[in-house]
Amino acid sequence: MIVKNPLTPPTGLAPPTLPGPPRFTRDEYMQLSEHPVIANRRVQLIGGELVEMPGQKNTGFAAIARVQRLLEAAFGPGYWVRNQGTLDLSPYGVPDPDLAVIVGDPDNPTDDNPSTALLVVEVSDSTLSYDRNAKASMYAAAAIADYWIVNVPGGQLEIRRDPQPDATQEFGYGYASLTTHKPGTTASLLALPGAAVPVDRLFV
């Protein structure tokens, strides 16, 4: 279940009277992330709204670890496969994708969060619909060229590419290309022509 805007007003204060849920900027969100109310909760900023993600199952976290190992082996030195690290995709959102590959080195990080990625991967179970729709539109709007969803219940890898304007999508963008890969096939890496990942190893 995706829970939007989990913040509640402090005791004794009336809730806001503005119509709709409160909306936050990137800077406001970064300040709020240190607040005790949300500091220990899995909260992301999507489209100006605070979205609380469900707790991570052990099997889901294991899948993330498997994908991370595969991507680290494929990309090699000079690339950083970030595990649930924040991306600054403002004004569209400030998500923490399960995995994101950037050019760089964790031994020499920049002060600011990355504002793009060569590849974003979400390992999806209970969040599958959200990852396919709202998050896909957000990543497309932010010009993420290669977006993967490891569909755990479906036992397949979904690869979305070629971000394009699409007025029917939440952020006004979507992906023109969708390919589905089953175990027994390989998935190419857009940023590394000629490199591929065996889909079997994404699943137990």
N, C-alpha and C. Protein backbone atom coordinates (compact mmCIF):
# COMPACT_ATOMS: atom_id res chain seq x y z
N MET A 1 0.84 -1.20 0.00
CA MET A 1 0.00 0.00 0.00
C MET A 1 0.87 1.24 0.00
N ILE A 2 0.55 2.21 -0.84
CA ILE A 2 1.23 3.49 -0.88
C ILE A 2 0.42 4.48 -0.05
N VAL A 3 1.04 5.12 0.92
CA VAL A 3 0.35 6.06 1.79
C VAL A 3 0.90 7.44 1.50
N LYS A 4 0.04 8.36 1.07
CA LYS A 4 0.49 9.70 0.75
C LYS A 4 0.34 10.63 1.95
N ASN A 5 1.31 11.55 2.04
CA ASN A 5 1.31 12.59 3.06
C ASN A 5 1.06 12.04 4.47
N PRO A 6 2.04 11.28 5.02
CA PRO A 6 1.85 10.67 6.32
C PRO A 6 1.96 11.65 7.49
N LEU A 7 2.40 12.89 7.25
CA LEU A 7 2.54 13.83 8.34
C LEU A 7 1.19 14.20 8.93
N THR A 8 1.13 14.30 10.23
CA THR A 8 -0.07 14.78 10.91
C THR A 8 0.31 16.00 11.72
N PRO A 9 -0.61 16.95 11.91
CA PRO A 9 -0.26 18.17 12.63
C PRO A 9 0.03 17.86 14.10
N PRO A 10 0.93 18.62 14.74
CA PRO A 10 1.21 18.41 16.16
C PRO A 10 -0.04 18.57 16.99
N THR A 11 -0.04 17.93 18.16
CA THR A 11 -1.18 17.99 19.07
C THR A 11 -1.52 19.44 19.40
N GLY A 12 -2.79 19.78 19.33
CA GLY A 12 -3.22 21.12 19.67
C GLY A 12 -3.34 22.05 18.48
N LEU A 13 -2.83 21.62 17.32
CA LEU A 13 -2.93 22.46 16.12
C LEU A 13 -3.96 21.88 15.17
N ALA A 14 -4.71 22.78 14.57
CA ALA A 14 -5.73 22.34 13.61
C ALA A 14 -5.05 21.91 12.33
N PRO A 15 -5.64 20.95 11.61
CA PRO A 15 -5.07 20.56 10.32
C PRO A 15 -5.18 21.70 9.33
N PRO A 16 -4.36 21.70 8.29
CA PRO A 16 -4.42 22.79 7.30
C PRO A 16 -5.78 22.82 6.62
N THR A 17 -6.21 24.03 6.25
CA THR A 17 -7.52 24.20 5.64
C THR A 17 -7.42 24.34 4.13
N LEU A 18 -6.20 24.33 3.59
CA LEU A 18 -6.06 24.43 2.15
C LEU A 18 -6.64 23.19 1.48
N PRO A 19 -7.25 23.35 0.30
CA PRO A 19 -7.81 22.18 -0.37
C PRO A 19 -6.70 21.25 -0.84
N GLY A 20 -6.97 19.94 -0.75
CA GLY A 20 -6.01 18.95 -1.22
C GLY A 20 -4.88 18.76 -0.22
N PRO A 21 -4.01 17.79 -0.50
CA PRO A 21 -2.90 17.50 0.40
C PRO A 21 -1.83 18.58 0.31
N PRO A 22 -1.05 18.77 1.39
CA PRO A 22 0.02 19.76 1.34
C PRO A 22 1.07 19.34 0.33
N ARG A 23 1.69 20.30 -0.33
CA ARG A 23 2.72 20.03 -1.32
C ARG A 23 4.02 20.66 -0.84
N PHE A 24 5.14 19.99 -1.15
CA PHE A 24 6.44 20.41 -0.64
C PHE A 24 7.44 20.57 -1.78
N THR A 25 8.35 21.51 -1.61
CA THR A 25 9.46 21.66 -2.54
C THR A 25 10.58 20.70 -2.13
N ARG A 26 11.58 20.59 -2.99
CA ARG A 26 12.73 19.75 -2.65
C ARG A 26 13.39 20.22 -1.36
N ASP A 27 13.63 21.53 -1.23
CA ASP A 27 14.31 22.03 -0.05
C ASP A 27 13.49 21.79 1.22
N GLU A 28 12.18 21.99 1.13
CA GLU A 28 11.32 21.72 2.28
C GLU A 28 11.37 20.24 2.65
N TYR A 29 11.36 19.40 1.63
CA TYR A 29 11.41 17.95 1.88
C TYR A 29 12.71 17.55 2.55
N MET A 30 13.83 18.09 2.10
CA MET A 30 15.12 17.74 2.70
C MET A 30 15.18 18.17 4.15
N GLN A 31 14.55 19.29 4.47
CA GLN A 31 14.49 19.72 5.87
C GLN A 31 13.57 18.79 6.68
N LEU A 32 12.43 18.44 6.08
CA LEU A 32 11.49 17.55 6.77
C LEU A 32 12.08 16.17 7.00
N SER A 33 12.99 15.74 6.13
CA SER A 33 13.54 14.39 6.26
C SER A 33 14.32 14.20 7.56
N GLU A 34 14.69 15.29 8.20
CA GLU A 34 15.39 15.21 9.48
C GLU A 34 14.44 15.31 10.66
N HIS A 35 13.15 15.55 10.38
CA HIS A 35 12.17 15.68 11.45
C HIS A 35 11.85 14.31 12.03
N PRO A 36 11.70 14.21 13.37
CA PRO A 36 11.42 12.91 14.00
C PRO A 36 10.18 12.20 13.46
N VAL A 37 9.21 12.97 12.95
CA VAL A 37 7.97 12.37 12.47
C VAL A 37 8.22 11.43 11.30
N ILE A 38 9.19 11.78 10.44
CA ILE A 38 9.41 10.97 9.24
C ILE A 38 10.84 10.45 9.13
N ALA A 39 11.72 10.81 10.06
CA ALA A 39 13.13 10.46 9.94
C ALA A 39 13.35 8.95 9.81
N ASN A 40 12.53 8.16 10.49
CA ASN A 40 12.70 6.70 10.48
C ASN A 40 11.65 5.98 9.66
N ARG A 41 11.02 6.71 8.73
CA ARG A 41 10.00 6.10 7.89
C ARG A 41 10.44 6.18 6.44
N ARG A 42 9.98 5.24 5.62
CA ARG A 42 10.35 5.18 4.20
C ARG A 42 9.45 6.14 3.42
N VAL A 43 9.88 7.39 3.40
CA VAL A 43 9.09 8.44 2.77
C VAL A 43 9.86 9.01 1.58
N GLN A 44 9.14 9.25 0.49
CA GLN A 44 9.73 9.86 -0.70
C GLN A 44 8.87 11.03 -1.13
N LEU A 45 9.47 11.97 -1.85
CA LEU A 45 8.72 13.10 -2.39
C LEU A 45 8.42 12.82 -3.85
N ILE A 46 7.14 12.66 -4.17
CA ILE A 46 6.71 12.37 -5.54
C ILE A 46 5.67 13.41 -5.94
N GLY A 47 6.02 14.22 -6.93
CA GLY A 47 5.07 15.23 -7.39
C GLY A 47 4.66 16.20 -6.31
N GLY A 48 5.57 16.53 -5.42
CA GLY A 48 5.28 17.49 -4.35
C GLY A 48 4.58 16.89 -3.15
N GLU A 49 4.22 15.62 -3.21
CA GLU A 49 3.54 14.96 -2.10
C GLU A 49 4.47 13.99 -1.39
N LEU A 50 4.31 13.88 -0.09
CA LEU A 50 5.06 12.90 0.69
C LEU A 50 4.36 11.55 0.55
N VAL A 51 5.10 10.57 0.10
CA VAL A 51 4.55 9.24 -0.12
C VAL A 51 5.31 8.25 0.76
N GLU A 52 4.59 7.55 1.62
CA GLU A 52 5.21 6.56 2.48
C GLU A 52 5.14 5.20 1.80
N MET A 53 6.30 4.59 1.60
CA MET A 53 6.37 3.30 0.94
C MET A 53 6.21 2.18 1.97
N PRO A 54 5.69 1.03 1.55
CA PRO A 54 5.51 -0.08 2.49
C PRO A 54 6.86 -0.62 2.96
N GLY A 55 6.84 -1.30 4.10
CA GLY A 55 8.06 -1.91 4.62
C GLY A 55 8.62 -2.94 3.65
N GLN A 56 9.92 -3.13 3.70
CA GLN A 56 10.59 -4.03 2.77
C GLN A 56 10.56 -5.47 3.28
N LYS A 57 10.03 -6.39 2.45
CA LYS A 57 10.08 -7.81 2.79
C LYS A 57 11.50 -8.33 2.59
N ASN A 58 11.86 -9.36 3.34
CA ASN A 58 13.21 -9.90 3.21
C ASN A 58 13.47 -10.43 1.81
N THR A 59 12.46 -11.06 1.19
CA THR A 59 12.64 -11.59 -0.16
C THR A 59 12.83 -10.45 -1.16
N GLY A 60 12.14 -9.35 -0.95
CA GLY A 60 12.30 -8.21 -1.83
C GLY A 60 13.67 -7.59 -1.68
N PHE A 61 14.14 -7.49 -0.44
CA PHE A 61 15.46 -6.92 -0.21
C PHE A 61 16.55 -7.82 -0.78
N ALA A 62 16.32 -9.14 -0.70
CA ALA A 62 17.27 -10.08 -1.29
C ALA A 62 17.32 -9.91 -2.81
N ALA A 63 16.17 -9.66 -3.43
CA ALA A 63 16.13 -9.43 -4.87
C ALA A 63 16.91 -8.18 -5.24
N ILE A 64 16.79 -7.14 -4.42
CA ILE A 64 17.55 -5.92 -4.67
C ILE A 64 19.04 -6.22 -4.62
N ALA A 65 19.46 -7.01 -3.63
CA ALA A 65 20.88 -7.35 -3.49
C ALA A 65 21.38 -8.14 -4.70
N ARG A 66 20.53 -9.05 -5.22
CA ARG A 66 20.93 -9.83 -6.40
C ARG A 66 21.12 -8.93 -7.62
N VAL A 67 20.16 -8.04 -7.82
CA VAL A 67 20.26 -7.14 -8.97
C VAL A 67 21.48 -6.24 -8.83
N GLN A 68 21.74 -5.78 -7.62
CA GLN A 68 22.89 -4.92 -7.39
C GLN A 68 24.19 -5.63 -7.76
N ARG A 69 24.33 -6.89 -7.35
CA ARG A 69 25.54 -7.64 -7.68
C ARG A 69 25.70 -7.79 -9.19
N LEU A 70 24.62 -8.10 -9.88
CA LEU A 70 24.67 -8.26 -11.33
C LEU A 70 25.07 -6.96 -12.03
N LEU A 71 24.49 -5.84 -11.57
CA LEU A 71 24.80 -4.57 -12.21
C LEU A 71 26.23 -4.13 -11.91
N GLU A 72 26.69 -4.36 -10.70
CA GLU A 72 28.07 -4.01 -10.36
C GLU A 72 29.05 -4.79 -11.22
N ALA A 73 28.76 -6.06 -11.45
CA ALA A 73 29.63 -6.89 -12.28
C ALA A 73 29.60 -6.42 -13.73
N ALA A 74 28.43 -6.00 -14.21
CA ALA A 74 28.28 -5.58 -15.60
C ALA A 74 28.92 -4.22 -15.86
N PHE A 75 28.71 -3.28 -14.95
CA PHE A 75 29.21 -1.92 -15.17
C PHE A 75 30.68 -1.78 -14.82
N GLY A 76 31.11 -2.38 -13.71
CA GLY A 76 32.52 -2.32 -13.34
C GLY A 76 32.95 -0.98 -12.78
N PRO A 77 34.29 -0.75 -12.71
CA PRO A 77 34.82 0.48 -12.13
C PRO A 77 34.36 1.73 -12.90
N GLY A 78 34.24 2.81 -12.15
CA GLY A 78 33.82 4.07 -12.75
C GLY A 78 32.33 4.30 -12.67
N TYR A 79 31.60 3.29 -12.20
CA TYR A 79 30.14 3.41 -12.04
C TYR A 79 29.77 3.06 -10.61
N TRP A 80 28.74 3.70 -10.13
CA TRP A 80 28.27 3.49 -8.76
C TRP A 80 26.82 2.99 -8.84
N VAL A 81 26.60 1.77 -8.35
CA VAL A 81 25.25 1.21 -8.28
C VAL A 81 24.72 1.54 -6.89
N ARG A 82 23.86 2.53 -6.80
CA ARG A 82 23.38 3.05 -5.52
C ARG A 82 22.13 2.28 -5.08
N ASN A 83 22.14 1.82 -3.84
CA ASN A 83 21.07 1.02 -3.26
C ASN A 83 20.17 1.91 -2.42
N GLN A 84 18.96 2.21 -2.93
CA GLN A 84 17.96 3.03 -2.25
C GLN A 84 18.53 4.38 -1.85
N GLY A 85 19.36 4.94 -2.73
CA GLY A 85 19.90 6.28 -2.53
C GLY A 85 19.01 7.32 -3.20
N THR A 86 18.96 8.50 -2.62
CA THR A 86 18.08 9.56 -3.10
C THR A 86 18.57 10.14 -4.42
N LEU A 87 17.63 10.33 -5.35
CA LEU A 87 17.87 11.08 -6.59
C LEU A 87 17.10 12.40 -6.52
N ASP A 88 17.75 13.46 -6.94
CA ASP A 88 17.09 14.76 -6.99
C ASP A 88 16.55 14.97 -8.40
N LEU A 89 15.30 14.61 -8.60
CA LEU A 89 14.66 14.75 -9.91
C LEU A 89 13.68 15.92 -9.91
N SER A 90 13.90 16.88 -9.04
CA SER A 90 13.01 18.03 -8.96
C SER A 90 12.99 18.76 -10.30
N PRO A 91 11.82 19.30 -10.69
CA PRO A 91 10.64 19.51 -9.86
C PRO A 91 9.68 18.32 -9.79
N TYR A 92 10.05 17.19 -10.38
CA TYR A 92 9.11 16.07 -10.45
C TYR A 92 9.07 15.23 -9.17
N GLY A 93 10.20 15.12 -8.48
CA GLY A 93 10.22 14.33 -7.26
C GLY A 93 11.62 14.14 -6.73
N VAL A 94 11.68 13.59 -5.53
CA VAL A 94 12.96 13.25 -4.89
C VAL A 94 12.81 11.81 -4.39
N PRO A 95 12.90 10.85 -5.31
CA PRO A 95 12.66 9.44 -4.95
C PRO A 95 13.91 8.75 -4.43
N ASP A 96 13.70 7.59 -3.84
CA ASP A 96 14.78 6.69 -3.43
C ASP A 96 14.60 5.37 -4.17
N PRO A 97 14.97 5.30 -5.45
CA PRO A 97 14.76 4.05 -6.19
C PRO A 97 15.53 2.91 -5.57
N ASP A 98 15.04 1.70 -5.77
CA ASP A 98 15.74 0.54 -5.20
C ASP A 98 17.18 0.50 -5.65
N LEU A 99 17.42 0.79 -6.94
CA LEU A 99 18.78 0.84 -7.46
C LEU A 99 18.85 1.92 -8.53
N ALA A 100 19.97 2.61 -8.57
CA ALA A 100 20.22 3.59 -9.62
C ALA A 100 21.71 3.57 -9.94
N VAL A 101 22.03 3.53 -11.22
CA VAL A 101 23.43 3.49 -11.65
C VAL A 101 23.83 4.87 -12.14
N ILE A 102 24.90 5.41 -11.57
CA ILE A 102 25.42 6.71 -11.99
C ILE A 102 26.90 6.58 -12.30
N VAL A 103 27.41 7.55 -13.01
CA VAL A 103 28.86 7.63 -13.20
C VAL A 103 29.45 8.19 -11.93
N GLY A 104 30.45 7.52 -11.37
CA GLY A 104 31.05 8.01 -10.13
C GLY A 104 31.62 6.89 -9.29
N ASP A 105 31.95 7.24 -8.06
CA ASP A 105 32.64 6.33 -7.15
C ASP A 105 32.20 6.64 -5.72
N PRO A 106 31.72 5.64 -4.97
CA PRO A 106 31.31 5.91 -3.59
C PRO A 106 32.46 6.38 -2.70
N ASP A 107 33.71 6.17 -3.13
CA ASP A 107 34.85 6.66 -2.35
C ASP A 107 35.11 8.14 -2.59
N ASN A 108 34.43 8.72 -3.57
CA ASN A 108 34.62 10.13 -3.88
C ASN A 108 33.28 10.76 -4.27
N PRO A 109 32.33 10.79 -3.32
CA PRO A 109 30.99 11.28 -3.65
C PRO A 109 30.94 12.81 -3.71
N THR A 110 29.98 13.31 -4.48
CA THR A 110 29.71 14.75 -4.49
C THR A 110 28.86 15.10 -3.27
N ASP A 111 28.78 16.39 -2.97
CA ASP A 111 27.96 16.83 -1.83
C ASP A 111 26.47 16.68 -2.12
N ASP A 112 26.08 16.93 -3.36
CA ASP A 112 24.66 16.92 -3.72
C ASP A 112 24.23 15.55 -4.23
N ASN A 113 22.96 15.23 -4.04
CA ASN A 113 22.42 14.00 -4.59
C ASN A 113 22.43 14.06 -6.11
N PRO A 114 22.62 12.92 -6.78
CA PRO A 114 22.60 12.91 -8.25
C PRO A 114 21.26 13.40 -8.79
N SER A 115 21.32 14.07 -9.93
CA SER A 115 20.10 14.59 -10.54
C SER A 115 19.69 13.77 -11.77
N THR A 116 20.40 12.68 -12.04
CA THR A 116 20.04 11.79 -13.13
C THR A 116 20.68 10.43 -12.87
N ALA A 117 20.40 9.46 -13.73
CA ALA A 117 20.99 8.13 -13.60
C ALA A 117 20.99 7.47 -14.97
N LEU A 118 21.97 6.61 -15.19
CA LEU A 118 22.03 5.85 -16.45
C LEU A 118 20.95 4.78 -16.49
N LEU A 119 20.63 4.27 -15.32
CA LEU A 119 19.64 3.19 -15.19
C LEU A 119 18.98 3.29 -13.82
N VAL A 120 17.67 3.17 -13.80
CA VAL A 120 16.92 3.10 -12.54
C VAL A 120 16.18 1.77 -12.51
N VAL A 121 16.24 1.10 -11.36
CA VAL A 121 15.58 -0.20 -11.19
C VAL A 121 14.69 -0.16 -9.96
N GLU A 122 13.45 -0.55 -10.11
CA GLU A 122 12.55 -0.77 -8.97
C GLU A 122 12.24 -2.26 -8.89
N VAL A 123 12.44 -2.85 -7.72
CA VAL A 123 12.06 -4.25 -7.47
C VAL A 123 10.66 -4.22 -6.88
N SER A 124 9.68 -4.69 -7.63
CA SER A 124 8.28 -4.43 -7.32
C SER A 124 7.52 -5.68 -6.90
N ASP A 125 6.81 -5.55 -5.80
CA ASP A 125 5.89 -6.57 -5.34
C ASP A 125 4.56 -5.88 -5.09
N SER A 126 4.36 -5.37 -3.88
CA SER A 126 3.10 -4.68 -3.57
C SER A 126 3.04 -3.30 -4.24
N THR A 127 4.17 -2.76 -4.72
CA THR A 127 4.18 -1.43 -5.33
C THR A 127 4.14 -1.48 -6.85
N LEU A 128 3.82 -2.62 -7.43
CA LEU A 128 3.94 -2.80 -8.88
C LEU A 128 3.13 -1.76 -9.67
N SER A 129 1.87 -1.55 -9.33
CA SER A 129 1.04 -0.60 -10.07
C SER A 129 1.61 0.81 -9.97
N TYR A 130 2.05 1.19 -8.78
CA TYR A 130 2.61 2.53 -8.58
C TYR A 130 3.89 2.71 -9.39
N ASP A 131 4.74 1.68 -9.40
CA ASP A 131 6.00 1.75 -10.15
C ASP A 131 5.76 1.81 -11.65
N ARG A 132 4.70 1.14 -12.12
CA ARG A 132 4.38 1.15 -13.55
C ARG A 132 3.76 2.45 -14.00
N ASN A 133 3.14 3.17 -13.12
CA ASN A 133 2.37 4.35 -13.51
C ASN A 133 3.01 5.64 -13.02
N ALA A 134 2.76 6.02 -11.77
CA ALA A 134 3.25 7.32 -11.28
C ALA A 134 4.77 7.42 -11.36
N LYS A 135 5.48 6.38 -10.89
CA LYS A 135 6.94 6.46 -10.91
C LYS A 135 7.48 6.41 -12.33
N ALA A 136 6.89 5.60 -13.19
CA ALA A 136 7.35 5.55 -14.57
C ALA A 136 7.20 6.92 -15.23
N SER A 137 6.09 7.59 -15.00
CA SER A 137 5.89 8.91 -15.58
C SER A 137 6.89 9.91 -15.02
N MET A 138 7.16 9.83 -13.72
CA MET A 138 8.14 10.74 -13.10
C MET A 138 9.53 10.52 -13.69
N TYR A 139 9.94 9.25 -13.81
CA TYR A 139 11.27 8.97 -14.36
C TYR A 139 11.35 9.40 -15.82
N ALA A 140 10.29 9.22 -16.58
CA ALA A 140 10.28 9.65 -17.98
C ALA A 140 10.38 11.17 -18.06
N ALA A 141 9.64 11.87 -17.21
CA ALA A 141 9.69 13.34 -17.20
C ALA A 141 11.09 13.84 -16.85
N ALA A 142 11.81 13.09 -16.02
CA ALA A 142 13.17 13.46 -15.63
C ALA A 142 14.22 12.96 -16.62
N ALA A 143 13.76 12.43 -17.76
CA ALA A 143 14.64 11.97 -18.85
C ALA A 143 15.53 10.80 -18.45
N ILE A 144 15.03 9.92 -17.56
CA ILE A 144 15.74 8.67 -17.27
C ILE A 144 15.51 7.76 -18.47
N ALA A 145 16.57 7.44 -19.20
CA ALA A 145 16.42 6.76 -20.48
C ALA A 145 16.18 5.26 -20.35
N ASP A 146 16.60 4.67 -19.23
CA ASP A 146 16.50 3.22 -19.05
C ASP A 146 15.89 2.94 -17.68
N TYR A 147 14.65 2.45 -17.66
CA TYR A 147 13.92 2.19 -16.41
C TYR A 147 13.47 0.75 -16.39
N TRP A 148 13.94 0.01 -15.38
CA TRP A 148 13.61 -1.41 -15.24
C TRP A 148 12.71 -1.62 -14.04
N ILE A 149 11.73 -2.51 -14.21
CA ILE A 149 10.93 -2.99 -13.09
C ILE A 149 11.12 -4.50 -13.00
N VAL A 150 11.67 -4.95 -11.88
CA VAL A 150 11.77 -6.38 -11.61
C VAL A 150 10.43 -6.79 -11.00
N ASN A 151 9.59 -7.37 -11.82
CA ASN A 151 8.23 -7.74 -11.43
C ASN A 151 8.29 -9.07 -10.68
N VAL A 152 8.35 -9.00 -9.35
CA VAL A 152 8.53 -10.20 -8.53
C VAL A 152 7.36 -11.16 -8.65
N PRO A 153 6.10 -10.71 -8.47
CA PRO A 153 5.00 -11.69 -8.57
C PRO A 153 4.83 -12.25 -9.97
N GLY A 154 5.18 -11.48 -11.00
CA GLY A 154 5.04 -11.94 -12.37
C GLY A 154 6.23 -12.72 -12.87
N GLY A 155 7.34 -12.70 -12.11
CA GLY A 155 8.54 -13.42 -12.52
C GLY A 155 9.09 -12.95 -13.85
N GLN A 156 9.09 -11.63 -14.07
CA GLN A 156 9.57 -11.10 -15.32
C GLN A 156 10.22 -9.73 -15.11
N LEU A 157 11.03 -9.35 -16.08
CA LEU A 157 11.68 -8.04 -16.07
C LEU A 157 11.00 -7.17 -17.12
N GLU A 158 10.57 -5.98 -16.71
CA GLU A 158 9.94 -5.03 -17.62
C GLU A 158 10.90 -3.86 -17.84
N ILE A 159 11.23 -3.60 -19.10
CA ILE A 159 12.18 -2.53 -19.44
C ILE A 159 11.46 -1.44 -20.22
N ARG A 160 11.50 -0.23 -19.67
CA ARG A 160 10.88 0.93 -20.32
C ARG A 160 11.97 1.89 -20.78
N ARG A 161 11.84 2.31 -22.05
CA ARG A 161 12.82 3.21 -22.65
C ARG A 161 12.12 4.22 -23.56
N ASP A 162 12.91 5.17 -24.04
CA ASP A 162 12.44 6.19 -24.96
C ASP A 162 11.36 7.08 -24.33
N PRO A 163 11.75 7.91 -23.33
CA PRO A 163 10.77 8.82 -22.72
C PRO A 163 10.24 9.83 -23.72
N GLN A 164 8.93 10.02 -23.69
CA GLN A 164 8.24 10.89 -24.64
C GLN A 164 7.14 11.66 -23.93
N PRO A 165 6.80 12.88 -24.44
CA PRO A 165 5.63 13.57 -23.88
C PRO A 165 4.38 12.71 -24.03
N ASP A 166 3.56 12.68 -22.99
CA ASP A 166 2.33 11.90 -23.00
C ASP A 166 1.36 12.56 -22.02
N ALA A 167 0.41 13.29 -22.56
CA ALA A 167 -0.51 14.06 -21.73
C ALA A 167 -1.39 13.19 -20.86
N THR A 168 -1.49 11.90 -21.14
CA THR A 168 -2.34 11.02 -20.34
C THR A 168 -1.65 10.57 -19.05
N GLN A 169 -0.35 10.81 -18.94
CA GLN A 169 0.40 10.35 -17.78
C GLN A 169 0.48 11.43 -16.70
N GLU A 170 0.72 11.02 -15.47
CA GLU A 170 0.65 11.93 -14.33
C GLU A 170 1.57 13.13 -14.45
N PHE A 171 2.78 12.91 -14.94
CA PHE A 171 3.75 13.99 -15.05
C PHE A 171 3.92 14.49 -16.49
N GLY A 172 3.01 14.10 -17.37
CA GLY A 172 3.04 14.58 -18.73
C GLY A 172 4.03 13.87 -19.63
N TYR A 173 4.63 12.80 -19.14
CA TYR A 173 5.58 12.01 -19.92
C TYR A 173 5.35 10.53 -19.64
N GLY A 174 5.75 9.72 -20.60
CA GLY A 174 5.72 8.27 -20.44
C GLY A 174 6.80 7.66 -21.31
N TYR A 175 6.87 6.34 -21.31
CA TYR A 175 7.87 5.63 -22.11
C TYR A 175 7.21 5.04 -23.35
N ALA A 176 7.84 5.30 -24.51
CA ALA A 176 7.29 4.80 -25.76
C ALA A 176 7.59 3.33 -25.97
N SER A 177 8.64 2.82 -25.31
CA SER A 177 9.06 1.43 -25.52
C SER A 177 8.92 0.64 -24.23
N LEU A 178 8.27 -0.52 -24.32
CA LEU A 178 8.17 -1.46 -23.21
C LEU A 178 8.48 -2.85 -23.74
N THR A 179 9.50 -3.48 -23.16
CA THR A 179 9.81 -4.87 -23.50
C THR A 179 9.80 -5.70 -22.23
N THR A 180 9.32 -6.93 -22.35
CA THR A 180 9.22 -7.84 -21.22
C THR A 180 10.15 -9.02 -21.44
N HIS A 181 10.93 -9.34 -20.39
CA HIS A 181 11.91 -10.41 -20.49
C HIS A 181 11.61 -11.48 -19.44
N LYS A 182 11.53 -12.70 -19.87
CA LYS A 182 11.30 -13.84 -18.98
C LYS A 182 12.63 -14.52 -18.66
N PRO A 183 12.68 -15.30 -17.58
CA PRO A 183 13.87 -16.10 -17.31
C PRO A 183 14.24 -16.95 -18.52
N GLY A 184 15.53 -17.07 -18.77
CA GLY A 184 16.01 -17.76 -19.95
C GLY A 184 16.46 -16.81 -21.04
N THR A 185 16.16 -15.51 -20.86
CA THR A 185 16.58 -14.49 -21.81
C THR A 185 17.63 -13.60 -21.14
N THR A 186 18.16 -12.65 -21.91
CA THR A 186 19.08 -11.66 -21.37
C THR A 186 18.55 -10.27 -21.64
N ALA A 187 18.94 -9.32 -20.80
CA ALA A 187 18.50 -7.94 -20.94
C ALA A 187 19.71 -7.06 -21.20
N SER A 188 19.66 -6.29 -22.28
CA SER A 188 20.77 -5.41 -22.62
C SER A 188 20.76 -4.17 -21.73
N LEU A 189 21.92 -3.55 -21.62
CA LEU A 189 22.08 -2.32 -20.85
C LEU A 189 22.24 -1.17 -21.84
N LEU A 190 21.33 -0.22 -21.79
CA LEU A 190 21.35 0.87 -22.75
C LEU A 190 22.65 1.67 -22.68
N ALA A 191 23.18 1.84 -21.48
CA ALA A 191 24.40 2.64 -21.30
C ALA A 191 25.67 1.89 -21.67
N LEU A 192 25.57 0.57 -21.82
CA LEU A 192 26.74 -0.25 -22.16
C LEU A 192 26.41 -1.15 -23.34
N PRO A 193 26.51 -0.65 -24.55
CA PRO A 193 26.19 -1.47 -25.73
C PRO A 193 27.02 -2.75 -25.74
N GLY A 194 26.35 -3.86 -25.96
CA GLY A 194 27.02 -5.16 -25.98
C GLY A 194 26.99 -5.89 -24.66
N ALA A 195 26.69 -5.19 -23.57
CA ALA A 195 26.60 -5.83 -22.25
C ALA A 195 25.17 -6.28 -22.00
N ALA A 196 25.03 -7.37 -21.25
CA ALA A 196 23.70 -7.90 -20.97
C ALA A 196 23.67 -8.57 -19.60
N VAL A 197 22.48 -8.66 -19.04
CA VAL A 197 22.25 -9.28 -17.75
C VAL A 197 21.35 -10.50 -17.92
N PRO A 198 21.72 -11.67 -17.39
CA PRO A 198 20.84 -12.84 -17.48
C PRO A 198 19.63 -12.69 -16.57
N VAL A 199 18.45 -12.77 -17.15
CA VAL A 199 17.23 -12.53 -16.37
C VAL A 199 17.02 -13.60 -15.31
N ASP A 200 17.48 -14.85 -15.58
CA ASP A 200 17.32 -15.91 -14.58
C ASP A 200 17.87 -15.50 -13.22
N ARG A 201 18.96 -14.76 -13.22
CA ARG A 201 19.63 -14.44 -11.97
C ARG A 201 18.99 -13.31 -11.20
N LEU A 202 17.95 -12.73 -11.77
CA LEU A 202 17.19 -11.71 -11.05
C LEU A 202 16.21 -12.34 -10.07
N PHE A 203 15.90 -13.62 -10.29
CA PHE A 203 14.89 -14.30 -9.50
C PHE A 203 15.49 -15.56 -8.86
N VAL A 204 14.90 -15.99 -7.76
CA VAL A 204 15.36 -17.22 -7.08
C VAL A 204 14.82 -18.42 -7.83
